[in-house]
């Protein structure tokens, strides 16, 4: 992500509203990076959502694959979790 400013953890969420994969400590790219040189991050299996949080929060909060996810405080007409 070209304009990403801080390192991130990526939580990949499947159709069953559970975390199916984690990508930890994704570094912010160098400002001089061109889009064609940026790495591509993908989950190990198909997902419907990806939640981006500050790097380290996954470990700090004990988040792991298999954990259930629910969304609150938003219009629920578009979501399945």
Foldseek 3Di string as FASTA:
>chain_A
DQPDDAFKKKFFAALVQWGAAIDAGHGHDDNPDDPVPDDDDDGPDDHDDIDIDGGPVCVVVVPDGGDGDDDDDDPCPPDDD
